[in-house]
Amino acid sequence: MSYTVEFETGLLDRLPREEHPKYKETISNKIIEHLEHRFYRIKPVRNHLQKGIYEMKISLGGKGHRVAFSLRNNQIFVFYISTNLQKVAFDKEVKKKIAK
């Protein structure tokens, strides 16, 4: 299956600018790999208002992060990233982001 990955503008602004291309490639590759082979690593964001929003853990620059993305047809839109690794707290952060 072929996926296209897009990123929200300014998503990686909190990370070192020189690492942005590498981080985008890492995030894209990991999401696609997990969708195709390890879907059990991808969890739905607990939000009763919207469906089709998922999250997963990923390591960027040796640090753990969680990314939130929407998946519709074969299009992935990455819209949130956080260093908060607790799922419940991360889900609350994503819910606030969606409400904006």
N, C-alpha and C. Protein backbone atom coordinates (compact mmCIF):
# COMPACT_ATOMS: atom_id res chain seq x y z
N MET A 1 0.84 -1.17 0.00
CA MET A 1 0.00 0.00 0.00
C MET A 1 0.89 1.24 0.00
N SER A 2 0.48 2.27 -0.68
CA SER A 2 1.27 3.49 -0.79
C SER A 2 0.61 4.60 0.04
N TYR A 3 1.40 5.23 0.88
CA TYR A 3 0.91 6.30 1.74
C TYR A 3 1.61 7.61 1.40
N THR A 4 0.91 8.71 1.58
CA THR A 4 1.53 10.03 1.49
C THR A 4 1.48 10.66 2.88
N VAL A 5 2.57 11.29 3.25
CA VAL A 5 2.68 11.88 4.59
C VAL A 5 2.86 13.39 4.46
N GLU A 6 2.04 14.13 5.18
CA GLU A 6 2.15 15.59 5.23
C GLU A 6 2.31 16.01 6.69
N PHE A 7 2.94 17.16 6.90
CA PHE A 7 3.18 17.68 8.24
C PHE A 7 2.55 19.05 8.37
N GLU A 8 1.99 19.31 9.55
CA GLU A 8 1.45 20.64 9.83
C GLU A 8 2.59 21.65 9.82
N THR A 9 2.32 22.82 9.25
CA THR A 9 3.32 23.88 9.21
C THR A 9 3.73 24.25 10.63
N GLY A 10 5.02 24.34 10.87
CA GLY A 10 5.54 24.73 12.17
C GLY A 10 5.60 23.61 13.20
N LEU A 11 5.26 22.40 12.80
CA LEU A 11 5.21 21.28 13.74
C LEU A 11 6.56 21.05 14.44
N LEU A 12 7.63 21.14 13.69
CA LEU A 12 8.95 20.81 14.24
C LEU A 12 9.72 22.04 14.73
N ASP A 13 9.06 23.18 14.88
CA ASP A 13 9.76 24.41 15.27
C ASP A 13 10.48 24.31 16.61
N ARG A 14 10.01 23.48 17.51
CA ARG A 14 10.64 23.34 18.83
C ARG A 14 11.89 22.47 18.78
N LEU A 15 12.12 21.82 17.66
CA LEU A 15 13.29 20.94 17.50
C LEU A 15 14.36 21.66 16.69
N PRO A 16 15.62 21.22 16.79
CA PRO A 16 16.70 21.90 16.05
C PRO A 16 16.42 21.93 14.54
N ARG A 17 16.52 23.13 13.96
CA ARG A 17 16.18 23.34 12.55
C ARG A 17 17.00 22.46 11.61
N GLU A 18 18.28 22.28 11.90
CA GLU A 18 19.12 21.49 11.00
C GLU A 18 18.72 20.01 10.98
N GLU A 19 17.95 19.59 11.96
CA GLU A 19 17.51 18.19 12.03
C GLU A 19 16.12 17.97 11.42
N HIS A 20 15.43 19.02 11.02
CA HIS A 20 14.06 18.88 10.52
C HIS A 20 13.91 17.86 9.38
N PRO A 21 14.73 17.93 8.33
CA PRO A 21 14.57 16.94 7.24
C PRO A 21 14.74 15.50 7.73
N LYS A 22 15.72 15.28 8.60
CA LYS A 22 15.97 13.94 9.14
C LYS A 22 14.80 13.47 9.99
N TYR A 23 14.27 14.37 10.83
CA TYR A 23 13.14 14.01 11.69
C TYR A 23 11.89 13.73 10.86
N LYS A 24 11.64 14.52 9.83
CA LYS A 24 10.47 14.28 8.97
C LYS A 24 10.58 12.91 8.30
N GLU A 25 11.76 12.59 7.82
CA GLU A 25 11.97 11.30 7.18
C GLU A 25 11.78 10.15 8.18
N THR A 26 12.32 10.31 9.38
CA THR A 26 12.18 9.28 10.41
C THR A 26 10.72 9.08 10.78
N ILE A 27 10.01 10.17 11.03
CA ILE A 27 8.59 10.08 11.39
C ILE A 27 7.80 9.41 10.28
N SER A 28 8.01 9.86 9.04
CA SER A 28 7.28 9.28 7.90
C SER A 28 7.55 7.79 7.78
N ASN A 29 8.82 7.41 7.81
CA ASN A 29 9.18 6.00 7.65
C ASN A 29 8.61 5.13 8.76
N LYS A 30 8.68 5.61 10.00
CA LYS A 30 8.18 4.82 11.13
C LYS A 30 6.67 4.66 11.08
N ILE A 31 5.95 5.72 10.76
CA ILE A 31 4.49 5.61 10.68
C ILE A 31 4.10 4.62 9.59
N ILE A 32 4.69 4.75 8.43
CA ILE A 32 4.36 3.84 7.32
C ILE A 32 4.74 2.41 7.68
N GLU A 33 5.92 2.21 8.25
CA GLU A 33 6.35 0.87 8.65
C GLU A 33 5.37 0.25 9.64
N HIS A 34 4.94 1.04 10.63
CA HIS A 34 4.02 0.52 11.64
C HIS A 34 2.64 0.27 11.06
N LEU A 35 2.20 1.08 10.12
CA LEU A 35 0.90 0.85 9.48
C LEU A 35 0.92 -0.45 8.68
N GLU A 36 2.04 -0.72 8.02
CA GLU A 36 2.12 -1.89 7.16
C GLU A 36 2.44 -3.18 7.92
N HIS A 37 3.18 -3.10 9.01
CA HIS A 37 3.66 -4.33 9.65
C HIS A 37 3.37 -4.46 11.14
N ARG A 38 3.26 -3.35 11.84
CA ARG A 38 3.11 -3.41 13.29
C ARG A 38 2.00 -2.48 13.77
N PHE A 39 0.82 -2.67 13.26
CA PHE A 39 -0.27 -1.75 13.60
C PHE A 39 -0.56 -1.74 15.09
N TYR A 40 -0.20 -2.81 15.79
CA TYR A 40 -0.45 -2.87 17.23
C TYR A 40 0.30 -1.77 17.99
N ARG A 41 1.31 -1.17 17.41
CA ARG A 41 2.06 -0.08 18.06
C ARG A 41 1.36 1.27 17.92
N ILE A 42 0.37 1.34 17.05
CA ILE A 42 -0.37 2.57 16.82
C ILE A 42 -1.66 2.50 17.63
N LYS A 43 -1.91 3.54 18.41
CA LYS A 43 -3.09 3.56 19.29
C LYS A 43 -4.01 4.71 18.89
N PRO A 44 -5.31 4.52 19.04
CA PRO A 44 -6.21 5.65 18.79
C PRO A 44 -6.11 6.67 19.92
N VAL A 45 -6.24 7.94 19.57
CA VAL A 45 -6.29 8.98 20.58
C VAL A 45 -7.68 8.95 21.18
N ARG A 46 -7.76 8.93 22.48
CA ARG A 46 -9.06 8.87 23.16
C ARG A 46 -9.72 10.23 23.07
N ASN A 47 -10.66 10.33 22.18
CA ASN A 47 -11.37 11.58 21.96
C ASN A 47 -12.73 11.23 21.39
N HIS A 48 -13.76 11.52 22.12
CA HIS A 48 -15.09 11.13 21.67
C HIS A 48 -15.61 12.01 20.53
N LEU A 49 -14.92 13.10 20.21
CA LEU A 49 -15.40 14.02 19.19
C LEU A 49 -14.96 13.62 17.78
N GLN A 50 -13.79 13.03 17.63
CA GLN A 50 -13.29 12.71 16.31
C GLN A 50 -12.73 11.30 16.26
N LYS A 51 -12.93 10.66 15.14
CA LYS A 51 -12.37 9.33 14.93
C LYS A 51 -11.30 9.44 13.84
N GLY A 52 -10.45 8.44 13.74
CA GLY A 52 -9.42 8.45 12.71
C GLY A 52 -8.17 9.21 13.12
N ILE A 53 -8.01 9.47 14.43
CA ILE A 53 -6.81 10.13 14.92
C ILE A 53 -6.04 9.14 15.78
N TYR A 54 -4.76 8.99 15.47
CA TYR A 54 -3.94 7.98 16.10
C TYR A 54 -2.67 8.60 16.65
N GLU A 55 -1.99 7.83 17.51
CA GLU A 55 -0.71 8.27 18.05
C GLU A 55 0.22 7.08 18.17
N MET A 56 1.51 7.41 18.23
CA MET A 56 2.51 6.38 18.44
C MET A 56 3.76 7.00 19.04
N LYS A 57 4.54 6.17 19.70
CA LYS A 57 5.83 6.62 20.24
C LYS A 57 6.88 6.53 19.15
N ILE A 58 7.83 7.45 19.22
CA ILE A 58 8.92 7.45 18.26
C ILE A 58 10.14 8.09 18.92
N SER A 59 11.32 7.66 18.54
CA SER A 59 12.55 8.23 19.08
C SER A 59 13.14 9.20 18.06
N LEU A 60 13.36 10.44 18.49
CA LEU A 60 13.97 11.45 17.64
C LEU A 60 15.18 12.01 18.37
N GLY A 61 16.33 11.88 17.78
CA GLY A 61 17.54 12.40 18.40
C GLY A 61 17.85 11.74 19.73
N GLY A 62 17.46 10.50 19.89
CA GLY A 62 17.72 9.77 21.12
C GLY A 62 16.73 10.05 22.23
N LYS A 63 15.72 10.87 21.98
CA LYS A 63 14.71 11.19 22.98
C LYS A 63 13.36 10.64 22.55
N GLY A 64 12.58 10.20 23.52
CA GLY A 64 11.26 9.68 23.23
C GLY A 64 10.26 10.79 22.96
N HIS A 65 9.42 10.59 21.97
CA HIS A 65 8.34 11.52 21.62
C HIS A 65 7.09 10.72 21.30
N ARG A 66 5.96 11.39 21.33
CA ARG A 66 4.73 10.84 20.79
C ARG A 66 4.28 11.77 19.67
N VAL A 67 3.80 11.18 18.60
CA VAL A 67 3.25 11.96 17.50
C VAL A 67 1.79 11.59 17.30
N ALA A 68 0.99 12.59 16.97
CA ALA A 68 -0.42 12.37 16.66
C ALA A 68 -0.62 12.65 15.18
N PHE A 69 -1.44 11.80 14.56
CA PHE A 69 -1.69 11.97 13.13
C PHE A 69 -3.09 11.48 12.78
N SER A 70 -3.59 12.02 11.67
CA SER A 70 -4.87 11.53 11.17
C SER A 70 -4.58 10.62 9.98
N LEU A 71 -5.44 9.67 9.79
CA LEU A 71 -5.28 8.71 8.69
C LEU A 71 -6.61 8.60 7.98
N ARG A 72 -6.62 9.06 6.74
CA ARG A 72 -7.82 8.98 5.92
C ARG A 72 -7.40 8.48 4.54
N ASN A 73 -8.05 7.40 4.12
CA ASN A 73 -7.66 6.72 2.89
C ASN A 73 -6.17 6.37 3.03
N ASN A 74 -5.33 6.83 2.17
CA ASN A 74 -3.90 6.55 2.27
C ASN A 74 -3.10 7.81 2.57
N GLN A 75 -3.77 8.82 3.15
CA GLN A 75 -3.11 10.07 3.47
C GLN A 75 -2.92 10.20 4.97
N ILE A 76 -1.70 10.49 5.36
CA ILE A 76 -1.34 10.66 6.76
C ILE A 76 -1.01 12.14 6.96
N PHE A 77 -1.64 12.75 7.97
CA PHE A 77 -1.35 14.14 8.29
C PHE A 77 -0.87 14.20 9.74
N VAL A 78 0.42 14.48 9.92
CA VAL A 78 1.02 14.57 11.25
C VAL A 78 0.81 16.00 11.75
N PHE A 79 0.09 16.13 12.88
CA PHE A 79 -0.27 17.47 13.33
C PHE A 79 0.18 17.81 14.74
N TYR A 80 0.74 16.85 15.49
CA TYR A 80 1.16 17.16 16.86
C TYR A 80 2.30 16.26 17.27
N ILE A 81 3.25 16.84 18.00
CA ILE A 81 4.38 16.09 18.53
C ILE A 81 4.65 16.59 19.95
N SER A 82 5.01 15.67 20.84
CA SER A 82 5.25 16.03 22.23
C SER A 82 6.28 15.10 22.84
N THR A 83 6.97 15.60 23.85
CA THR A 83 7.90 14.76 24.60
C THR A 83 7.19 14.08 25.76
N ASN A 84 5.92 14.36 25.95
CA ASN A 84 5.12 13.74 27.01
C ASN A 84 4.81 12.30 26.58
N LEU A 85 5.35 11.33 27.30
CA LEU A 85 5.18 9.93 26.91
C LEU A 85 3.99 9.25 27.59
N GLN A 86 3.37 9.90 28.57
CA GLN A 86 2.20 9.30 29.22
C GLN A 86 1.01 9.43 28.28
N LYS A 87 0.39 8.30 27.96
CA LYS A 87 -0.70 8.29 26.98
C LYS A 87 -1.86 9.17 27.40
N VAL A 88 -2.31 9.07 28.64
CA VAL A 88 -3.48 9.84 29.08
C VAL A 88 -3.21 11.34 28.98
N ALA A 89 -2.05 11.77 29.44
CA ALA A 89 -1.70 13.19 29.37
C ALA A 89 -1.54 13.63 27.92
N PHE A 90 -0.93 12.79 27.09
CA PHE A 90 -0.75 13.12 25.67
C PHE A 90 -2.10 13.25 24.99
N ASP A 91 -3.03 12.34 25.27
CA ASP A 91 -4.36 12.41 24.68
C ASP A 91 -5.06 13.72 25.04
N LYS A 92 -4.86 14.19 26.26
CA LYS A 92 -5.45 15.48 26.68
C LYS A 92 -4.84 16.62 25.88
N GLU A 93 -3.51 16.57 25.67
CA GLU A 93 -2.85 17.61 24.88
C GLU A 93 -3.39 17.63 23.45
N VAL A 94 -3.58 16.46 22.87
CA VAL A 94 -4.09 16.38 21.49
C VAL A 94 -5.53 16.90 21.45
N LYS A 95 -6.31 16.57 22.45
CA LYS A 95 -7.69 17.04 22.50
C LYS A 95 -7.74 18.57 22.52
N LYS A 96 -6.85 19.19 23.29
CA LYS A 96 -6.77 20.67 23.32
C LYS A 96 -6.36 21.21 21.96
N LYS A 97 -5.41 20.54 21.32
CA LYS A 97 -4.94 20.98 19.99
C LYS A 97 -6.08 20.91 18.98
N ILE A 98 -6.88 19.86 19.03
CA ILE A 98 -7.99 19.71 18.09
C ILE A 98 -9.06 20.76 18.35
N ALA A 99 -9.27 21.10 19.62
CA ALA A 99 -10.32 22.06 19.98
C ALA A 99 -10.01 23.48 19.50
N LYS A 100 -8.74 23.78 19.23
CA LYS A 100 -8.37 25.14 18.79
C LYS A 100 -8.93 25.47 17.44
